C-alpha atoms as a PDB file:
ATOM      1  CA  UNK A   1      34.970 -11.249  -9.821  1.00  0.00           C
ATOM      2  CA  UNK A   2      34.070  -9.793  -6.452  1.00  0.00           C
ATOM      3  CA  UNK A   3      35.238  -6.410  -5.330  1.00  0.00           C
ATOM      4  CA  UNK A   4      36.053  -5.708  -1.708  1.00  0.00           C
ATOM      5  CA  UNK A   5      35.442  -2.248  -0.308  1.00  0.00           C
ATOM      6  CA  UNK A   6      37.107  -1.361   2.942  1.00  0.00           C
ATOM      7  CA  UNK A   7      36.363   1.256   5.554  1.00  0.00           C
ATOM      8  CA  UNK A   8      39.318   3.159   6.958  1.00  0.00           C
ATOM      9  CA  UNK A   9      38.764   4.598  10.403  1.00  0.00           C
ATOM     10  CA  UNK A  10      41.541   6.629  11.943  1.00  0.00           C
ATOM     11  CA  UNK A  11      39.708   9.422  13.779  1.00  0.00           C
ATOM     12  CA  UNK A  12      37.017   9.665  16.413  1.00  0.00           C
ATOM     13  CA  UNK A  13      33.366  10.349  15.803  1.00  0.00           C
ATOM     14  CA  UNK A  14      30.170  10.712  17.756  1.00  0.00           C
ATOM     15  CA  UNK A  15      26.768   9.965  16.328  1.00  0.00           C
ATOM     16  CA  UNK A  16      23.468  10.886  17.904  1.00  0.00           C
ATOM     17  CA  UNK A  17      20.764   8.333  17.108  1.00  0.00           C
ATOM     18  CA  UNK A  18      17.134   7.677  17.897  1.00  0.00           C
ATOM     19  CA  UNK A  19      15.645   4.347  18.939  1.00  0.00           C
ATOM     20  CA  UNK A  20      14.559   2.353  15.850  1.00  0.00           C
ATOM     21  CA  UNK A  21      11.035   1.163  15.215  1.00  0.00           C
ATOM     22  CA  UNK A  22      12.050  -2.461  14.658  1.00  0.00           C
ATOM     23  CA  UNK A  23       9.806  -4.322  12.245  1.00  0.00           C
ATOM     24  CA  UNK A  24       7.426  -1.429  11.651  1.00  0.00           C
ATOM     25  CA  UNK A  25       6.511  -0.040   8.262  1.00  0.00           C
ATOM     26  CA  UNK A  26       6.226   3.731   8.133  1.00  0.00           C
ATOM     27  CA  UNK A  27       5.639   6.199   5.312  1.00  0.00           C
ATOM     28  CA  UNK A  28       8.084   8.506   3.578  1.00  0.00           C
ATOM     29  CA  UNK A  29       7.418  11.888   2.012  1.00  0.00           C
ATOM     30  CA  UNK A  30       5.572  10.607  -1.067  1.00  0.00           C
ATOM     31  CA  UNK A  31       3.209   8.494   1.033  1.00  0.00           C
ATOM     32  CA  UNK A  32       4.600   5.111   0.010  1.00  0.00           C
ATOM     33  CA  UNK A  33       5.627   2.435   2.498  1.00  0.00           C
ATOM     34  CA  UNK A  34       9.221   2.525   3.650  1.00  0.00           C
ATOM     35  CA  UNK A  35      11.360  -0.246   2.122  1.00  0.00           C
ATOM     36  CA  UNK A  36      12.590  -2.752   4.679  1.00  0.00           C
ATOM     37  CA  UNK A  37      15.708  -4.888   4.904  1.00  0.00           C
ATOM     38  CA  UNK A  38      16.549  -7.776   7.213  1.00  0.00           C
ATOM     39  CA  UNK A  39      20.127  -7.809   8.487  1.00  0.00           C
ATOM     40  CA  UNK A  40      21.392 -11.082   9.926  1.00  0.00           C
ATOM     41  CA  UNK A  41      24.162 -10.271  12.379  1.00  0.00           C
ATOM     42  CA  UNK A  42      26.513 -13.237  12.649  1.00  0.00           C
ATOM     43  CA  UNK A  43      28.335 -12.632  15.906  1.00  0.00           C
ATOM     44  CA  UNK A  44      31.507 -14.726  16.100  1.00  0.00           C
ATOM     45  CA  UNK A  45      33.028 -12.781  19.007  1.00  0.00           C
ATOM     46  CA  UNK A  46      30.152 -12.893  21.504  1.00  0.00           C
ATOM     47  CA  UNK A  47      29.697  -9.152  21.863  1.00  0.00           C
ATOM     48  CA  UNK A  48      27.853  -7.562  24.753  1.00  0.00           C
ATOM     49  CA  UNK A  49      24.166  -7.560  23.839  1.00  0.00           C
ATOM     50  CA  UNK A  50      23.805  -4.008  25.130  1.00  0.00           C
ATOM     51  CA  UNK A  51      26.649  -2.778  22.919  1.00  0.00           C
ATOM     52  CA  UNK A  52      25.268  -4.665  19.935  1.00  0.00           C
ATOM     53  CA  UNK A  53      21.768  -3.257  20.332  1.00  0.00           C
ATOM     54  CA  UNK A  54      23.052   0.296  20.703  1.00  0.00           C
ATOM     55  CA  UNK A  55      25.209  -0.081  17.603  1.00  0.00           C
ATOM     56  CA  UNK A  56      22.169  -1.349  15.706  1.00  0.00           C
ATOM     57  CA  UNK A  57      20.215   1.697  16.861  1.00  0.00           C
ATOM     58  CA  UNK A  58      22.887   3.958  15.382  1.00  0.00           C
ATOM     59  CA  UNK A  59      22.759   2.128  12.053  1.00  0.00           C
ATOM     60  CA  UNK A  60      18.961   2.034  12.054  1.00  0.00           C
ATOM     61  CA  UNK A  61      18.841   5.785  12.614  1.00  0.00           C
ATOM     62  CA  UNK A  62      21.074   6.448   9.605  1.00  0.00           C
ATOM     63  CA  UNK A  63      19.084   4.155   7.325  1.00  0.00           C
ATOM     64  CA  UNK A  64      15.786   5.544   8.557  1.00  0.00           C
ATOM     65  CA  UNK A  65      16.957   8.986   7.464  1.00  0.00           C
ATOM     66  CA  UNK A  66      17.495   7.382   4.037  1.00  0.00           C
ATOM     67  CA  UNK A  67      13.894   6.109   4.072  1.00  0.00           C
ATOM     68  CA  UNK A  68      14.701   2.506   4.985  1.00  0.00           C
ATOM     69  CA  UNK A  69      13.660   0.412   7.991  1.00  0.00           C
ATOM     70  CA  UNK A  70      15.928  -2.318   9.363  1.00  0.00           C
ATOM     71  CA  UNK A  71      14.930  -5.557  11.060  1.00  0.00           C
ATOM     72  CA  UNK A  72      17.818  -7.105  12.959  1.00  0.00           C
ATOM     73  CA  UNK A  73      18.256 -10.848  13.467  1.00  0.00           C
ATOM     74  CA  UNK A  74      21.086 -11.417  15.940  1.00  0.00           C
ATOM     75  CA  UNK A  75      22.753 -14.794  15.612  1.00  0.00           C
ATOM     76  CA  UNK A  76      25.302 -15.576  18.317  1.00  0.00           C
ATOM     77  CA  UNK A  77      27.498 -18.324  16.926  1.00  0.00           C
ATOM     78  CA  UNK A  78      29.058 -18.829  20.322  1.00  0.00           C
ATOM     79  CA  UNK A  79      25.971 -20.706  21.518  1.00  0.00           C
ATOM     80  CA  UNK A  80      24.273 -23.834  20.228  1.00  0.00           C
ATOM     81  CA  UNK A  81      21.911 -23.493  17.272  1.00  0.00           C
ATOM     82  CA  UNK A  82      18.821 -24.340  19.326  1.00  0.00           C
ATOM     83  CA  UNK A  83      19.374 -21.287  21.543  1.00  0.00           C
ATOM     84  CA  UNK A  84      19.729 -18.765  18.719  1.00  0.00           C
ATOM     85  CA  UNK A  85      16.924 -16.581  17.432  1.00  0.00           C
ATOM     86  CA  UNK A  86      14.435 -18.490  15.252  1.00  0.00           C
ATOM     87  CA  UNK A  87      15.240 -16.243  12.299  1.00  0.00           C
ATOM     88  CA  UNK A  88      18.846 -17.459  12.282  1.00  0.00           C
ATOM     89  CA  UNK A  89      17.770 -20.677  10.594  1.00  0.00           C
ATOM     90  CA  UNK A  90      16.873 -20.553   6.909  1.00  0.00           C
ATOM     91  CA  UNK A  91      16.743 -17.716   4.432  1.00  0.00           C
ATOM     92  CA  UNK A  92      14.727 -14.509   4.917  1.00  0.00           C
ATOM     93  CA  UNK A  93      11.715 -14.004   2.657  1.00  0.00           C
ATOM     94  CA  UNK A  94      12.533 -10.358   2.060  1.00  0.00           C
ATOM     95  CA  UNK A  95      15.733  -8.432   1.316  1.00  0.00           C
ATOM     96  CA  UNK A  96      18.305 -10.108   3.557  1.00  0.00           C
ATOM     97  CA  UNK A  97      21.880  -8.985   4.187  1.00  0.00           C
ATOM     98  CA  UNK A  98      24.558 -10.486   6.424  1.00  0.00           C
ATOM     99  CA  UNK A  99      26.838  -8.540   8.751  1.00  0.00           C
ATOM    100  CA  UNK A 100      29.633 -10.693  10.173  1.00  0.00           C
ATOM    101  CA  UNK A 101      31.217  -9.533  13.426  1.00  0.00           C
ATOM    102  CA  UNK A 102      34.684 -11.088  13.604  1.00  0.00           C
ATOM    103  CA  UNK A 103      37.922 -10.445  15.451  1.00  0.00           C
ATOM    104  CA  UNK A 104      40.022  -9.254  12.507  1.00  0.00           C
ATOM    105  CA  UNK A 105      39.245  -8.827   8.816  1.00  0.00           C
ATOM    106  CA  UNK A 106      42.827  -8.720   7.497  1.00  0.00           C
ATOM    107  CA  UNK A 107      42.952 -12.519   6.886  1.00  0.00           C
ATOM    108  CA  UNK A 108      40.082 -12.108   4.413  1.00  0.00           C
ATOM    109  CA  UNK A 109      42.235 -10.363   1.811  1.00  0.00           C
ATOM    110  CA  UNK A 110      45.900  -9.392   1.346  1.00  0.00           C
ATOM    111  CA  UNK A 111      44.687  -5.936   0.284  1.00  0.00           C
ATOM    112  CA  UNK A 112      43.297  -5.123   3.726  1.00  0.00           C
ATOM    113  CA  UNK A 113      45.488  -3.033   5.992  1.00  0.00           C
ATOM    114  CA  UNK A 114      45.797  -2.919   9.780  1.00  0.00           C
ATOM    115  CA  UNK A 115      43.722   0.250  10.003  1.00  0.00           C
ATOM    116  CA  UNK A 116      40.780  -1.182   8.050  1.00  0.00           C
ATOM    117  CA  UNK A 117      37.742  -1.811  10.228  1.00  0.00           C
ATOM    118  CA  UNK A 118      35.099  -2.928   7.741  1.00  0.00           C
ATOM    119  CA  UNK A 119      34.779  -4.651   4.415  1.00  0.00           C
ATOM    120  CA  UNK A 120      31.886  -5.357   2.043  1.00  0.00           C
ATOM    121  CA  UNK A 121      31.981  -7.984  -0.700  1.00  0.00           C
ATOM    122  CA  UNK A 122      30.328  -6.535  -3.808  1.00  0.00           C
ATOM    123  CA  UNK A 123      30.188  -8.558  -7.069  1.00  0.00           C
ATOM    124  CA  UNK A 124      31.149  -6.796 -10.293  1.00  0.00           C
ATOM    125  CA  UNK A 125      28.851  -6.334 -13.263  1.00  0.00           C
ATOM    126  CA  UNK A 126      26.095  -4.629 -11.325  1.00  0.00           C
ATOM    127  CA  UNK A 127      25.167  -7.695  -9.303  1.00  0.00           C
ATOM    128  CA  UNK A 128      24.010  -7.295  -5.716  1.00  0.00           C
ATOM    129  CA  UNK A 129      26.242  -7.943  -2.718  1.00  0.00           C
ATOM    130  CA  UNK A 130      24.818  -9.248   0.522  1.00  0.00           C
ATOM    131  CA  UNK A 131      27.743  -9.934   2.886  1.00  0.00           C
ATOM    132  CA  UNK A 132      29.877  -7.527   4.922  1.00  0.00           C
ATOM    133  CA  UNK A 133      32.329  -7.796   7.815  1.00  0.00           C
ATOM    134  CA  UNK A 134      33.297  -5.626  10.769  1.00  0.00           C
ATOM    135  CA  UNK A 135      36.475  -6.096  12.817  1.00  0.00           C
ATOM    136  CA  UNK A 136      35.728  -5.888  16.528  1.00  0.00           C
ATOM    137  CA  UNK A 137      39.456  -5.857  17.272  1.00  0.00           C
ATOM    138  CA  UNK A 138      40.026  -2.758  15.163  1.00  0.00           C
ATOM    139  CA  UNK A 139      36.851  -1.043  16.348  1.00  0.00           C
ATOM    140  CA  UNK A 140      37.816  -1.588  19.975  1.00  0.00           C
ATOM    141  CA  UNK A 141      41.317  -0.244  19.318  1.00  0.00           C
ATOM    142  CA  UNK A 142      40.013   2.906  17.635  1.00  0.00           C
ATOM    143  CA  UNK A 143      37.387   3.461  20.322  1.00  0.00           C
ATOM    144  CA  UNK A 144      40.072   3.249  23.024  1.00  0.00           C
ATOM    145  CA  UNK A 145      42.501   5.530  21.209  1.00  0.00           C
ATOM    146  CA  UNK A 146      39.900   8.155  20.389  1.00  0.00           C
ATOM    147  CA  UNK A 147      37.741   7.893  23.531  1.00  0.00           C
ATOM    148  CA  UNK A 148      34.701   7.058  21.433  1.00  0.00           C
ATOM    149  CA  UNK A 149      32.031   4.525  22.327  1.00  0.00           C
ATOM    150  CA  UNK A 150      32.381   1.170  20.614  1.00  0.00           C
ATOM    151  CA  UNK A 151      28.702   1.114  19.663  1.00  0.00           C
ATOM    152  CA  UNK A 152      29.072   4.441  17.827  1.00  0.00           C
ATOM    153  CA  UNK A 153      31.990   3.192  15.754  1.00  0.00           C
ATOM    154  CA  UNK A 154      30.272  -0.086  14.976  1.00  0.00           C
ATOM    155  CA  UNK A 155      26.986   1.624  14.130  1.00  0.00           C
ATOM    156  CA  UNK A 156      28.556   4.058  11.707  1.00  0.00           C
ATOM    157  CA  UNK A 157      30.806   1.387  10.232  1.00  0.00           C
ATOM    158  CA  UNK A 158      27.862  -0.970   9.728  1.00  0.00           C
ATOM    159  CA  UNK A 159      25.886   1.770   7.969  1.00  0.00           C
ATOM    160  CA  UNK A 160      28.844   2.410   5.667  1.00  0.00           C
ATOM    161  CA  UNK A 161      29.247  -1.275   4.778  1.00  0.00           C
ATOM    162  CA  UNK A 162      25.518  -1.783   4.253  1.00  0.00           C
ATOM    163  CA  UNK A 163      25.722   1.260   2.018  1.00  0.00           C
ATOM    164  CA  UNK A 164      28.239  -0.579  -0.168  1.00  0.00           C
ATOM    165  CA  UNK A 165      25.913  -3.568  -0.420  1.00  0.00           C
ATOM    166  CA  UNK A 166      22.943  -1.397  -1.377  1.00  0.00           C
ATOM    167  CA  UNK A 167      24.724   1.113  -3.617  1.00  0.00           C
ATOM    168  CA  UNK A 168      26.866  -1.341  -5.570  1.00  0.00           C
ATOM    169  CA  UNK A 169      30.237  -0.795  -7.187  1.00  0.00           C
ATOM    170  CA  UNK A 170      32.243   2.405  -6.827  1.00  0.00           C
ATOM    171  CA  UNK A 171      30.190   3.682  -3.900  1.00  0.00           C
ATOM    172  CA  UNK A 172      32.977   5.620  -2.187  1.00  0.00           C
ATOM    173  CA  UNK A 173      32.534   9.384  -2.337  1.00  0.00           C
ATOM    174  CA  UNK A 174      34.871  12.367  -1.780  1.00  0.00           C
ATOM    175  CA  UNK A 175      32.997  13.287   1.394  1.00  0.00           C
ATOM    176  CA  UNK A 176      30.190  12.142   3.678  1.00  0.00           C
ATOM    177  CA  UNK A 177      29.234   8.777   5.111  1.00  0.00           C
ATOM    178  CA  UNK A 178      30.515   6.844   2.087  1.00  0.00           C
ATOM    179  CA  UNK A 179      33.963   8.439   2.153  1.00  0.00           C
ATOM    180  CA  UNK A 180      36.711   5.833   2.587  1.00  0.00           C
ATOM    181  CA  UNK A 181      38.288   7.809   5.439  1.00  0.00           C
ATOM    182  CA  UNK A 182      36.434  10.532   7.257  1.00  0.00           C
ATOM    183  CA  UNK A 183      37.851  14.025   7.619  1.00  0.00           C
ATOM    184  CA  UNK A 184      37.384  16.345  10.616  1.00  0.00           C
ATOM    185  CA  UNK A 185      34.491  17.900   8.692  1.00  0.00           C
ATOM    186  CA  UNK A 186      32.674  14.556   8.377  1.00  0.00           C
ATOM    187  CA  UNK A 187      33.373  13.824  12.028  1.00  0.00           C
ATOM    188  CA  UNK A 188      31.890  17.164  13.019  1.00  0.00           C
ATOM    189  CA  UNK A 189      28.738  16.301  11.080  1.00  0.00           C
ATOM    190  CA  UNK A 190      28.740  12.904  12.718  1.00  0.00           C
ATOM    191  CA  UNK A 191      28.908  14.474  16.160  1.00  0.00           C
ATOM    192  CA  UNK A 192      25.563  16.136  15.381  1.00  0.00           C
ATOM    193  CA  UNK A 193      23.942  13.076  13.829  1.00  0.00           C
ATOM    194  CA  UNK A 194      24.333  14.444  10.320  1.00  0.00           C
ATOM    195  CA  UNK A 195      26.823  12.047   8.745  1.00  0.00           C
ATOM    196  CA  UNK A 196      24.208  10.478   6.522  1.00  0.00           C
ATOM    197  CA  UNK A 197      23.565   9.192   3.033  1.00  0.00           C
ATOM    198  CA  UNK A 198      22.971  11.904   0.456  1.00  0.00           C
ATOM    199  CA  UNK A 199      19.544  12.330  -1.121  1.00  0.00           C
ATOM    200  CA  UNK A 200      20.789  10.673  -4.312  1.00  0.00           C
ATOM    201  CA  UNK A 201      22.303   7.772  -2.366  1.00  0.00           C
ATOM    202  CA  UNK A 202      19.112   7.354  -0.358  1.00  0.00           C
ATOM    203  CA  UNK A 203      17.052   7.218  -3.536  1.00  0.00           C
ATOM    204  CA  UNK A 204      19.441   4.666  -5.052  1.00  0.00           C
ATOM    205  CA  UNK A 205      19.283   2.531  -1.911  1.00  0.00           C
ATOM    206  CA  UNK A 206      15.476   2.531  -1.832  1.00  0.00           C
ATOM    207  CA  UNK A 207      15.255   1.619  -5.516  1.00  0.00           C
ATOM    208  CA  UNK A 208      17.775  -1.181  -5.019  1.00  0.00           C
ATOM    209  CA  UNK A 209      15.766  -2.620  -2.123  1.00  0.00           C
ATOM    210  CA  UNK A 210      12.479  -2.426  -4.033  1.00  0.00           C
ATOM    211  CA  UNK A 211      14.104  -4.185  -7.005  1.00  0.00           C
ATOM    212  CA  UNK A 212      15.422  -6.930  -4.709  1.00  0.00           C
ATOM    213  CA  UNK A 213      12.002  -7.299  -3.093  1.00  0.00           C
ATOM    214  CA  UNK A 214      10.473  -7.742  -6.527  1.00  0.00           C
ATOM    215  CA  UNK A 215      13.043 -10.427  -7.366  1.00  0.00           C
ATOM    216  CA  UNK A 216      12.305 -12.253  -4.112  1.00  0.00           C
ATOM    217  CA  UNK A 217       8.545 -12.073  -4.724  1.00  0.00           C
ATOM    218  CA  UNK A 218       8.954 -13.349  -8.276  1.00  0.00           C
ATOM    219  CA  UNK A 219      11.136 -16.196  -7.048  1.00  0.00           C
ATOM    220  CA  UNK A 220       8.593 -17.181  -4.381  1.00  0.00           C
ATOM    221  CA  UNK A 221       5.738 -17.167  -6.907  1.00  0.00           C
ATOM    222  CA  UNK A 222       7.765 -19.203  -9.406  1.00  0.00           C
ATOM    223  CA  UNK A 223       8.597 -21.744  -6.719  1.00  0.00           C
ATOM    224  CA  UNK A 224       4.949 -22.038  -5.696  1.00  0.00           C
ATOM    225  CA  UNK A 225       3.843 -22.491  -9.297  1.00  0.00           C
ATOM    226  CA  UNK A 226       6.466 -25.193  -9.726  1.00  0.00           C
ATOM    227  CA  UNK A 227       5.263 -27.029  -6.621  1.00  0.00           C
ATOM    228  CA  UNK A 228       1.616 -26.700  -7.584  1.00  0.00           C
ATOM    229  CA  UNK A 229       2.348 -27.948 -11.091  1.00  0.00           C
ATOM    230  CA  UNK A 230       4.211 -30.900  -9.681  1.00  0.00           C
ATOM    231  CA  UNK A 231       1.123 -31.977  -7.777  1.00  0.00           C
ATOM    232  CA  UNK A 232      -1.195 -31.350 -10.722  1.00  0.00           C
ATOM    233  CA  UNK A 233      -2.974 -28.415  -9.110  1.00  0.00           C
END
């Protein structure tokens, strides 16, 4: 059974972000390399590239504060496959997640309401989720109503949904970034760039990524051994 977690956005927010160091590995407090994830953005609505990049900067800033670097692979499904980024073809060799940008998410589930902007599909039983969705229609509506930039809403929403994928089941919290619906207090923190993952959440996220990286590495080695054995090497 898969559980669907939705993000409810009904108020405005502002988030101050810094430009991400795409593809770079930095060090966190204990001197170890920062875990890295690859997020494939499947754009089905042909968003403005400037808006998309700014939204990704917002999300990258939040995850960097959690000790995680993000590599973005933008896949515009409104153009032919040959013109998309090379990384859009095939599976990533590291921890890869998928963020789908679609018009509306309500058709995905009867449990989603009109005010829901994002949804993450998280399997039960402690298994890892890797697919999330953001509604551009709802984000645009909220941005217009609240006089907030679209990239800010998308960036914060994407961070929240990626949080579900990296934290697992029951990730909603009474307050903070992972709250289902933000209060004026959370929005005030967001306006100062402080609507972030908690220290415990950040630790959980890093451990989850490292565990996934280990699984990927083990899978790659097992595949290579199988191929080598097949050729008698």
